[in-house]
Structure formats: structure tokens, C-alpha cells
C-alpha atoms as a PDB file:
ATOM      1  CA  MET A   1      -0.012  -0.010   0.003  1.00  0.00           C
ATOM      2  CA  LEU A   2       1.311   3.402  -0.981  1.00  0.00           C
ATOM      3  CA  GLU A   3       1.320   6.064   1.726  1.00  0.00           C
ATOM      4  CA  ILE A   4      -1.179   8.752   0.703  1.00  0.00           C
ATOM      5  CA  LEU A   5      -0.138  12.196   1.964  1.00  0.00           C
ATOM      6  CA  TYR A   6      -3.086  14.146   0.575  1.00  0.00           C
ATOM      7  CA  GLN A   7      -6.207  13.422  -1.432  1.00  0.00           C
ATOM      8  CA  ASP A   8      -9.271  15.325  -2.583  1.00  0.00           C
ATOM      9  CA  GLU A   9     -11.397  15.206  -5.725  1.00  0.00           C
ATOM     10  CA  TYR A  10      -8.760  17.001  -7.831  1.00  0.00           C
ATOM     11  CA  ILE A  11      -5.286  15.863  -6.706  1.00  0.00           C
ATOM     12  CA  ILE A  12      -3.583  13.107  -4.783  1.00  0.00           C
ATOM     13  CA  ALA A  13      -0.063  12.932  -3.346  1.00  0.00           C
ATOM     14  CA  ILE A  14       1.918   9.905  -2.178  1.00  0.00           C
ATOM     15  CA  ASN A  15       5.218   9.252  -0.424  1.00  0.00           C
ATOM     16  CA  LYS A  16       6.891   7.354  -3.242  1.00  0.00           C
ATOM     17  CA  PRO A  17       9.171   4.554  -2.066  1.00  0.00           C
ATOM     18  CA  SER A  18      12.742   4.402  -3.330  1.00  0.00           C
ATOM     19  CA  GLY A  19      13.002   1.873  -6.156  1.00  0.00           C
ATOM     20  CA  LEU A  20       9.523   2.402  -7.508  1.00  0.00           C
ATOM     21  CA  LEU A  21       9.184   3.780 -11.045  1.00  0.00           C
ATOM     22  CA  VAL A  22       6.534   6.436 -11.675  1.00  0.00           C
ATOM     23  CA  HIS A  23       5.619   4.830 -15.002  1.00  0.00           C
ATOM     24  CA  LYS A  24       7.001   2.484 -17.649  1.00  0.00           C
ATOM     25  CA  SER A  25      10.427   3.548 -18.921  1.00  0.00           C
ATOM     26  CA  PHE A  26      12.646   2.532 -21.820  1.00  0.00           C
ATOM     27  CA  TYR A  27      15.605   2.813 -19.470  1.00  0.00           C
ATOM     28  CA  ALA A  28      14.185   0.382 -16.885  1.00  0.00           C
ATOM     29  CA  ARG A  29      12.517  -2.314 -18.905  1.00  0.00           C
ATOM     30  CA  ASP A  30      13.050  -4.845 -16.097  1.00  0.00           C
ATOM     31  CA  ALA A  31      10.440  -3.112 -13.885  1.00  0.00           C
ATOM     32  CA  LYS A  32       7.038  -4.748 -13.470  1.00  0.00           C
ATOM     33  CA  VAL A  33       5.480  -2.427 -10.879  1.00  0.00           C
ATOM     34  CA  PHE A  34       4.801   1.296 -11.305  1.00  0.00           C
ATOM     35  CA  ALA A  35       3.438   4.051  -9.079  1.00  0.00           C
ATOM     36  CA  ILE A  36       0.667   4.943 -11.552  1.00  0.00           C
ATOM     37  CA  GLN A  37      -0.829   1.430 -11.663  1.00  0.00           C
ATOM     38  CA  GLU A  38      -0.360   0.825  -7.930  1.00  0.00           C
ATOM     39  CA  LEU A  39      -2.054   4.077  -6.975  1.00  0.00           C
ATOM     40  CA  ARG A  40      -4.875   3.556  -9.515  1.00  0.00           C
ATOM     41  CA  ASN A  41      -5.563   0.111  -8.091  1.00  0.00           C
ATOM     42  CA  GLN A  42      -5.428   1.423  -4.540  1.00  0.00           C
ATOM     43  CA  ILE A  43      -8.083   4.120  -5.111  1.00  0.00           C
ATOM     44  CA  GLY A  44     -10.528   1.922  -6.943  1.00  0.00           C
ATOM     45  CA  GLY A  45      -9.379   2.066 -10.530  1.00  0.00           C
ATOM     46  CA  ARG A  46      -9.675   5.845 -11.077  1.00  0.00           C
ATOM     47  CA  HIS A  47      -7.163   7.255 -13.567  1.00  0.00           C
ATOM     48  CA  VAL A  48      -4.268   9.245 -12.140  1.00  0.00           C
ATOM     49  CA  TYR A  49      -1.943  11.559 -14.065  1.00  0.00           C
ATOM     50  CA  PRO A  50       1.584  12.282 -12.785  1.00  0.00           C
ATOM     51  CA  ILE A  51       2.188  16.037 -12.593  1.00  0.00           C
ATOM     52  CA  HIS A  52       5.953  15.737 -12.108  1.00  0.00           C
ATOM     53  CA  ARG A  53       8.552  13.001 -11.887  1.00  0.00           C
ATOM     54  CA  LEU A  54      10.907  11.488  -9.327  1.00  0.00           C
ATOM     55  CA  ASP A  55      13.803   9.232 -10.275  1.00  0.00           C
ATOM     56  CA  ARG A  56      13.389   5.552  -9.543  1.00  0.00           C
ATOM     57  CA  LYS A  57      15.811   5.699  -6.568  1.00  0.00           C
ATOM     58  CA  THR A  58      14.419   8.987  -5.204  1.00  0.00           C
ATOM     59  CA  SER A  59      11.755   8.731  -2.527  1.00  0.00           C
ATOM     60  CA  GLY A  60       9.313  11.345  -1.339  1.00  0.00           C
ATOM     61  CA  VAL A  61       6.393  13.575  -2.300  1.00  0.00           C
ATOM     62  CA  LEU A  62       4.903  12.694  -5.696  1.00  0.00           C
ATOM     63  CA  LEU A  63       1.845  14.561  -6.941  1.00  0.00           C
ATOM     64  CA  PHE A  64      -0.869  13.325  -9.301  1.00  0.00           C
ATOM     65  CA  ALA A  65      -3.879  14.958 -10.935  1.00  0.00           C
ATOM     66  CA  LEU A  66      -7.204  13.167 -11.057  1.00  0.00           C
ATOM     67  CA  ASP A  67      -8.325  14.739 -14.321  1.00  0.00           C
ATOM     68  CA  LYS A  68      -6.671  16.303 -17.377  1.00  0.00           C
ATOM     69  CA  LYS A  69      -7.898  19.855 -16.629  1.00  0.00           C
ATOM     70  CA  VAL A  70      -6.111  19.848 -13.277  1.00  0.00           C
ATOM     71  CA  LEU A  71      -3.097  18.245 -14.897  1.00  0.00           C
ATOM     72  CA  LYS A  72      -2.737  21.159 -17.319  1.00  0.00           C
ATOM     73  CA  ILE A  73      -3.116  23.731 -14.532  1.00  0.00           C
ATOM     74  CA  MET A  74      -0.428  22.109 -12.455  1.00  0.00           C
ATOM     75  CA  ASN A  75       1.872  21.491 -15.432  1.00  0.00           C
ATOM     76  CA  ASP A  76       1.710  25.178 -16.194  1.00  0.00           C
ATOM     77  CA  ARG A  77       2.540  26.055 -12.567  1.00  0.00           C
ATOM     78  CA  PHE A  78       5.559  23.758 -12.558  1.00  0.00           C
ATOM     79  CA  ALA A  79       6.680  25.268 -15.857  1.00  0.00           C
ATOM     80  CA  THR A  80       6.404  28.818 -14.475  1.00  0.00           C
ATOM     81  CA  ARG A  81       8.205  27.809 -11.230  1.00  0.00           C
ATOM     82  CA  GLU A  82       5.224  28.440  -9.008  1.00  0.00           C
ATOM     83  CA  VAL A  83       5.825  25.111  -7.187  1.00  0.00           C
ATOM     84  CA  GLU A  84       8.662  24.784  -4.649  1.00  0.00           C
ATOM     85  CA  LYS A  85      10.310  21.378  -4.282  1.00  0.00           C
ATOM     86  CA  LYS A  86      12.616  20.648  -1.336  1.00  0.00           C
ATOM     87  CA  TYR A  87      14.910  17.655  -1.104  1.00  0.00           C
ATOM     88  CA  LEU A  88      17.114  16.208   1.594  1.00  0.00           C
ATOM     89  CA  ALA A  89      20.411  14.661   0.449  1.00  0.00           C
ATOM     90  CA  ILE A  90      23.486  13.140   2.044  1.00  0.00           C
ATOM     91  CA  LEU A  91      26.623  14.199   0.220  1.00  0.00           C
ATOM     92  CA  ARG A  92      30.217  13.087   0.263  1.00  0.00           C
ATOM     93  CA  GLY A  93      32.454  15.626   1.972  1.00  0.00           C
ATOM     94  CA  TRP A  94      31.572  18.927   3.605  1.00  0.00           C
ATOM     95  CA  SER A  95      29.854  21.128   1.080  1.00  0.00           C
ATOM     96  CA  PRO A  96      29.751  24.950   1.249  1.00  0.00           C
ATOM     97  CA  GLU A  97      27.240  26.250   3.814  1.00  0.00           C
ATOM     98  CA  GLU A  98      25.047  27.470   0.970  1.00  0.00           C
ATOM     99  CA  LEU A  99      25.381  27.813  -2.769  1.00  0.00           C
ATOM    100  CA  THR A 100      23.418  28.414  -5.942  1.00  0.00           C
ATOM    101  CA  ILE A 101      24.593  26.087  -8.684  1.00  0.00           C
ATOM    102  CA  ASP A 102      23.910  27.604 -12.134  1.00  0.00           C
ATOM    103  CA  TYR A 103      25.273  24.948 -14.461  1.00  0.00           C
ATOM    104  CA  ASP A 104      23.738  23.976 -17.817  1.00  0.00           C
ATOM    105  CA  LEU A 105      22.949  20.303 -18.433  1.00  0.00           C
ATOM    106  CA  THR A 106      22.614  18.319 -21.619  1.00  0.00           C
ATOM    107  CA  ASN A 107      19.547  16.103 -21.986  1.00  0.00           C
ATOM    108  CA  ASN A 108      19.337  12.719 -23.726  1.00  0.00           C
ATOM    109  CA  ASP A 109      18.641  14.420 -27.050  1.00  0.00           C
ATOM    110  CA  GLY A 110      21.806  16.458 -26.830  1.00  0.00           C
ATOM    111  CA  VAL A 111      19.971  19.711 -26.045  1.00  0.00           C
ATOM    112  CA  ILE A 112      21.710  22.055 -23.597  1.00  0.00           C
ATOM    113  CA  GLN A 113      19.315  23.303 -20.904  1.00  0.00           C
ATOM    114  CA  ASN A 114      19.749  25.916 -18.205  1.00  0.00           C
ATOM    115  CA  ALA A 115      19.641  24.317 -14.742  1.00  0.00           C
ATOM    116  CA  ILE A 116      19.711  26.061 -11.348  1.00  0.00           C
ATOM    117  CA  THR A 117      19.811  24.520  -7.875  1.00  0.00           C
ATOM    118  CA  TYR A 118      20.042  26.303  -4.531  1.00  0.00           C
ATOM    119  CA  PHE A 119      21.078  24.381  -1.431  1.00  0.00           C
ATOM    120  CA  HIS A 120      22.103  24.977   2.141  1.00  0.00           C
ATOM    121  CA  ARG A 121      23.985  22.680   4.459  1.00  0.00           C
ATOM    122  CA  LEU A 122      22.132  21.387   7.523  1.00  0.00           C
ATOM    123  CA  GLN A 123      24.644  19.142   9.289  1.00  0.00           C
ATOM    124  CA  THR A 124      28.177  17.814   8.949  1.00  0.00           C
ATOM    125  CA  THR A 125      29.594  14.551  10.193  1.00  0.00           C
ATOM    126  CA  GLU A 126      32.830  12.530  10.164  1.00  0.00           C
ATOM    127  CA  ILE A 127      33.096   8.814  10.839  1.00  0.00           C
ATOM    128  CA  GLU A 128      35.888   6.259  11.138  1.00  0.00           C
ATOM    129  CA  LEU A 129      35.732   4.841   7.626  1.00  0.00           C
ATOM    130  CA  GLU A 130      39.036   4.662   5.772  1.00  0.00           C
ATOM    131  CA  PHE A 131      38.968   6.106   2.292  1.00  0.00           C
ATOM    132  CA  ASN A 132      41.754   7.231  -0.047  1.00  0.00           C
ATOM    133  CA  ASN A 133      44.408   6.521   2.605  1.00  0.00           C
ATOM    134  CA  GLN A 134      42.566   8.693   5.109  1.00  0.00           C
ATOM    135  CA  PRO A 135      41.379   7.141   8.422  1.00  0.00           C
ATOM    136  CA  THR A 136      38.043   8.969   8.351  1.00  0.00           C
ATOM    137  CA  SER A 137      35.341   9.999   5.840  1.00  0.00           C
ATOM    138  CA  ARG A 138      33.301  13.193   5.849  1.00  0.00           C
ATOM    139  CA  TYR A 139      29.660  13.675   4.816  1.00  0.00           C
ATOM    140  CA  CYS A 140      26.980  16.308   5.123  1.00  0.00           C
ATOM    141  CA  LEU A 141      23.218  16.613   5.057  1.00  0.00           C
ATOM    142  CA  VAL A 142      21.797  19.355   2.825  1.00  0.00           C
ATOM    143  CA  GLU A 143      18.433  20.700   1.767  1.00  0.00           C
ATOM    144  CA  ALA A 144      18.265  21.361  -1.984  1.00  0.00           C
ATOM    145  CA  ILE A 145      15.735  23.439  -3.859  1.00  0.00           C
ATOM    146  CA  PRO A 146      15.906  23.015  -7.656  1.00  0.00           C
ATOM    147  CA  GLU A 147      14.603  26.048  -9.517  1.00  0.00           C
ATOM    148  CA  THR A 148      14.463  24.054 -12.724  1.00  0.00           C
ATOM    149  CA  GLY A 149      13.456  20.444 -13.254  1.00  0.00           C
ATOM    150  CA  ARG A 150      16.013  18.786 -15.494  1.00  0.00           C
ATOM    151  CA  MET A 151      16.567  15.058 -15.617  1.00  0.00           C
ATOM    152  CA  HIS A 152      18.902  13.945 -12.821  1.00  0.00           C
ATOM    153  CA  GLN A 153      19.556  17.622 -12.069  1.00  0.00           C
ATOM    154  CA  LEU A 154      20.435  17.264  -8.381  1.00  0.00           C
ATOM    155  CA  ARG A 155      22.659  14.246  -8.987  1.00  0.00           C
ATOM    156  CA  LYS A 156      24.547  16.038 -11.783  1.00  0.00           C
ATOM    157  CA  HIS A 157      24.832  19.353  -9.959  1.00  0.00           C
ATOM    158  CA  PHE A 158      26.223  17.859  -6.767  1.00  0.00           C
ATOM    159  CA  LYS A 159      28.695  15.783  -8.759  1.00  0.00           C
ATOM    160  CA  HIS A 160      29.699  18.963 -10.606  1.00  0.00           C
ATOM    161  CA  ILE A 161      30.748  20.643  -7.312  1.00  0.00           C
ATOM    162  CA  PHE A 162      32.574  17.473  -6.204  1.00  0.00           C
ATOM    163  CA  HIS A 163      30.098  16.569  -3.474  1.00  0.00           C
ATOM    164  CA  PRO A 164      28.135  13.683  -5.060  1.00  0.00           C
ATOM    165  CA  ILE A 165      25.005  12.232  -3.478  1.00  0.00           C
ATOM    166  CA  LEU A 166      25.803   9.073  -1.540  1.00  0.00           C
ATOM    167  CA  GLY A 167      24.559   6.014  -3.473  1.00  0.00           C
ATOM    168  CA  SER A 168      23.994   7.884  -6.743  1.00  0.00           C
ATOM    169  CA  ARG A 169      24.682   5.912  -9.893  1.00  0.00           C
ATOM    170  CA  PRO A 170      25.881   6.885 -12.457  1.00  0.00           C
ATOM    171  CA  HIS A 171      26.262  10.488 -11.303  1.00  0.00           C
ATOM    172  CA  GLY A 172      28.121   9.755  -8.110  1.00  0.00           C
ATOM    173  CA  CYS A 173      31.377   8.444  -6.672  1.00  0.00           C
ATOM    174  CA  ASN A 174      31.810   4.799  -7.640  1.00  0.00           C
ATOM    175  CA  LYS A 175      34.519   4.239  -5.061  1.00  0.00           C
ATOM    176  CA  GLN A 176      32.363   5.592  -2.233  1.00  0.00           C
ATOM    177  CA  ASN A 177      29.378   3.627  -3.416  1.00  0.00           C
ATOM    178  CA  LYS A 178      31.477   0.445  -3.419  1.00  0.00           C
ATOM    179  CA  LEU A 179      32.791   1.278   0.038  1.00  0.00           C
ATOM    180  CA  TRP A 180      29.287   1.676   1.439  1.00  0.00           C
ATOM    181  CA  LEU A 181      28.007  -1.426  -0.363  1.00  0.00           C
ATOM    182  CA  GLU A 182      30.793  -3.548   1.128  1.00  0.00           C
ATOM    183  CA  ASN A 183      30.648  -2.072   4.646  1.00  0.00           C
ATOM    184  CA  PHE A 184      26.996  -1.238   5.104  1.00  0.00           C
ATOM    185  CA  GLU A 185      25.134  -3.036   2.238  1.00  0.00           C
ATOM    186  CA  LEU A 186      23.891   0.277   0.916  1.00  0.00           C
ATOM    187  CA  LYS A 187      22.136  -0.089  -2.430  1.00  0.00           C
ATOM    188  CA  GLY A 188      19.825   2.924  -2.305  1.00  0.00           C
ATOM    189  CA  MET A 189      20.460   6.631  -3.019  1.00  0.00           C
ATOM    190  CA  MET A 190      20.384   9.238  -0.257  1.00  0.00           C
ATOM    191  CA  LEU A 191      17.998  11.642  -1.960  1.00  0.00           C
ATOM    192  CA  HIS A 192      14.502  12.278  -0.608  1.00  0.00           C
ATOM    193  CA  ALA A 193      11.849  14.762  -1.829  1.00  0.00           C
ATOM    194  CA  HIS A 194      10.654  15.784   1.640  1.00  0.00           C
ATOM    195  CA  GLN A 195       8.475  18.808   0.860  1.00  0.00           C
ATOM    196  CA  LEU A 196       6.251  20.247  -1.882  1.00  0.00           C
ATOM    197  CA  ILE A 197       4.714  23.721  -1.619  1.00  0.00           C
ATOM    198  CA  PHE A 198       2.101  24.942  -4.072  1.00  0.00           C
ATOM    199  CA  ASN A 199      -1.322  26.564  -4.384  1.00  0.00           C
ATOM    200  CA  HIS A 200      -4.235  24.200  -4.916  1.00  0.00           C
ATOM    201  CA  PRO A 201      -5.245  24.163  -8.594  1.00  0.00           C
ATOM    202  CA  ILE A 202      -8.928  24.851  -7.840  1.00  0.00           C
ATOM    203  CA  THR A 203      -9.203  26.576  -4.448  1.00  0.00           C
ATOM    204  CA  ASN A 204      -5.817  28.365  -4.773  1.00  0.00           C
ATOM    205  CA  GLU A 205      -5.149  27.721  -1.063  1.00  0.00           C
ATOM    206  CA  GLN A 206      -1.538  27.006  -0.182  1.00  0.00           C
ATOM    207  CA  LEU A 207      -0.650  23.373   0.498  1.00  0.00           C
ATOM    208  CA  ILE A 208       2.568  22.253   2.188  1.00  0.00           C
ATOM    209  CA  LEU A 209       3.021  18.518   1.852  1.00  0.00           C
ATOM    210  CA  ASN A 210       5.741  16.584   3.666  1.00  0.00           C
ATOM    211  CA  ALA A 211       6.963  13.022   3.256  1.00  0.00           C
ATOM    212  CA  LYS A 212       8.694  11.085   5.995  1.00  0.00           C
ATOM    213  CA  ILE A 213      12.222   9.860   5.437  1.00  0.00           C
ATOM    214  CA  ASN A 214      12.360   6.175   4.506  1.00  0.00           C
ATOM    215  CA  GLU A 215      13.996   3.435   6.570  1.00  0.00           C
ATOM    216  CA  GLU A 216      17.139   3.267   4.446  1.00  0.00           C
ATOM    217  CA  PHE A 217      17.749   6.992   4.731  1.00  0.00           C
ATOM    218  CA  SER A 218      17.177   6.793   8.475  1.00  0.00           C
ATOM    219  CA  ARG A 219      19.579   3.851   8.756  1.00  0.00           C
ATOM    220  CA  VAL A 220      22.334   5.725   6.972  1.00  0.00           C
ATOM    221  CA  GLY A 221      21.624   8.757   9.135  1.00  0.00           C
ATOM    222  CA  THR A 222      22.181   6.591  12.235  1.00  0.00           C
ATOM    223  CA  ILE A 223      25.440   5.249  10.864  1.00  0.00           C
ATOM    224  CA  LEU A 224      26.596   8.809  10.211  1.00  0.00           C
ATOM    225  CA  LYS A 225      25.270  10.062  13.578  1.00  0.00           C
ATOM    226  CA  LEU A 226      23.101  12.667  11.890  1.00  0.00           C
ATOM    227  CA  ASP A 227      20.132  14.027  13.799  1.00  0.00           C
ATOM    228  CA  LEU A 228      17.230  13.247  11.467  1.00  0.00           C
ATOM    229  CA  ASN A 229      14.468  13.526  14.033  1.00  0.00           C
ATOM    230  CA  THR A 230      13.942  17.133  12.997  1.00  0.00           C
ATOM    231  CA  TYR A 231      12.851  15.995   9.559  1.00  0.00           C
ATOM    232  CA  GLU A 232      10.624  13.115  10.584  1.00  0.00           C
ATOM    233  CA  ILE A 233       7.422  15.039   9.911  1.00  0.00           C
ATOM    234  CA  ALA A 234       4.298  13.535  11.451  1.00  0.00           C
ATOM    235  CA  MET A 235       0.693  14.596  11.256  1.00  0.00           C
ATOM    236  CA  THR A 236      -0.771  15.952  14.497  1.00  0.00           C
ATOM    237  CA  GLU A 237      -4.305  15.098  13.417  1.00  0.00           C
ATOM    238  CA  ALA A 238      -5.739  11.802  12.244  1.00  0.00           C
ATOM    239  CA  VAL A 239      -6.684  11.360   8.619  1.00  0.00           C
ATOM    240  CA  ALA A 240     -10.252  10.680   7.534  1.00  0.00           C
ATOM    241  CA  ASN A 241     -12.128   7.449   8.324  1.00  0.00           C
ATOM    242  CA  THR A 242     -10.127   4.514   6.975  1.00  0.00           C
ATOM    243  CA  ASN A 243     -13.271   3.117   5.328  1.00  0.00           C
ATOM    244  CA  GLU A 244     -13.295   6.157   3.055  1.00  0.00           C
ATOM    245  CA  ASP A 245     -10.702   7.694   0.757  1.00  0.00           C
ATOM    246  CA  LEU A 246      -7.786   9.000   2.777  1.00  0.00           C
ATOM    247  CA  ALA A 247      -7.788  12.791   2.929  1.00  0.00           C
ATOM    248  CA  ILE A 248      -6.099  15.564   4.768  1.00  0.00           C
ATOM    249  CA  PRO A 249      -8.559  18.455   5.070  1.00  0.00           C
ATOM    250  CA  TYR A 250      -7.464  21.961   4.143  1.00  0.00           C
ATOM    251  CA  SER A 251      -7.840  23.030   7.747  1.00  0.00           C
ATOM    252  CA  TYR A 252      -4.830  20.853   8.613  1.00  0.00           C
ATOM    253  CA  LYS A 253      -2.466  22.313   6.047  1.00  0.00           C
ATOM    254  CA  LYS A 254      -0.782  24.764   8.424  1.00  0.00           C
ATOM    255  CA  GLN A 255       0.133  21.858  10.714  1.00  0.00           C
ATOM    256  CA  ILE A 256       2.250  20.250   8.045  1.00  0.00           C
ATOM    257  CA  LEU A 257       5.173  22.652   8.385  1.00  0.00           C
ATOM    258  CA  SER A 258       8.860  21.926   8.174  1.00  0.00           C
ATOM    259  CA  THR A 259      10.107  22.295  11.737  1.00  0.00           C
ATOM    260  CA  TYR A 260      13.456  23.867  10.987  1.00  0.00           C
ATOM    261  CA  GLU A 261      12.316  26.783   8.835  1.00  0.00           C
END
């Protein structure tokens, strides 16, 4: 069962698990299960339309429209940057405290596209893990806000500044990934879409949706002695009757705030 973060008659949001594709992809022909079909089956067969995308290995808030009119409204808002997406990522090394990365990326068709990512560092850590003839290894936790939505943008941008996302393949550090696979059996990627902020397509009321960190991200945080409790967002009110469609009423939206802002 997918965790539903928000649902009404126009939109629905889930906390997408790492490893789940949004839809069928030429690049992952081995996959048999997709978020679209799982969510459709879960809500009684109603069609759902993905408004944006998350990589297969990225977990977190994923938003769907329940009709094509709403899909167009939200697509336009994403295109005009009226939607704010916030990600948590664990990087190799200690990044700058904050930085705006303005670095063009080339898509699969060879087209060069402007790409901008702002991030700020939340925590730093150093553990006894030998790497490159050094007795310890350094990592940091950051919050990243992409202003554009290019394919693999965060992975590529963090690799560009020499602080790749832990577990990222192919846009990461292969030696670090191998080190973590051998020592900690890490196969996932430490990138989580933890918050989505936008105005409702029909009512225009602001929604702030948060997705809890998954178990693998939490496990790595424990290994690195990071304090992730701050980002384990939990609802303070119960959702609707479990015999009905899950919903978070608009009156609760102000309770779904990021606690460190």
C-alpha cells in the first residue's frame, strides 16, 4: 500500500518509495510495478496523471492529478516555477554552507538546458571509515531546492561541485558507493523529496506537503550520527475514516510545516 499524503477530488499525493518507477520507462525495462498502476488500483481504478517525476531511486512527495484539466493547470505552474520542491540529500564531503549552482545540463537528445539549484547545508559529520588513505570520511546533510526540473539535475549538480550524493549511480562516486556497499550493504540513493509547496489548482489555497524519510535513509543517518528527528514530519491530526478515501482536510495544512524553517 502506498502512503497517501493528501487526497481530494482533484489531486492526490503519495510518499513514493525508493526503487519504484513512476511509469514504464525505456531505461528500466526490467520493472514490473509502477506508481501509476499501484495508486490507480489502490483508489478503486480511477485514472491518475503524474504532474511531475521522481527518479526511480528517489523517494518522497509525488503529486498526481485526477483529471486532465487539473493536470494542465499544475503542469503550467511547474513550468512557471510556482511550485517549490525541497529535497534532503546526504553528500560526500563537507559542502559549502550554501550555494546556488547555475550549471547547464545536456539532456538525452543532446539539447543544452539551463539548470539552477540552490542548497544549504544542515549538518556535517565525520566517521571512522578509511577512504583514499585517510582514516576517516566526511559527509553532510543538505536541503536542496531546484529552480528548474532537468533530468537527474540534483545528482549532476552535486557531482559537478565534487560533493556527489551518496549512493547515486551513475552520477556519483563509484569508489564511495562500493565502500558503502561492502561495509553497510547500501544499495539505495540518499535523496528524498521531503516537501512540496504549491497553491491548490482549484481553491488556490496554499498546500505544504511533507513526506517522512524512508527506513534506508534513516539507517544511513544513524550510521553517520546525523540528527534526522527534526525532519521526521508527522501529522498531529488523524486522517479521515479509513473506510473512506484518505484525505487531509485543508484546515490541517498549516500543521504540516517543516520544523526547521
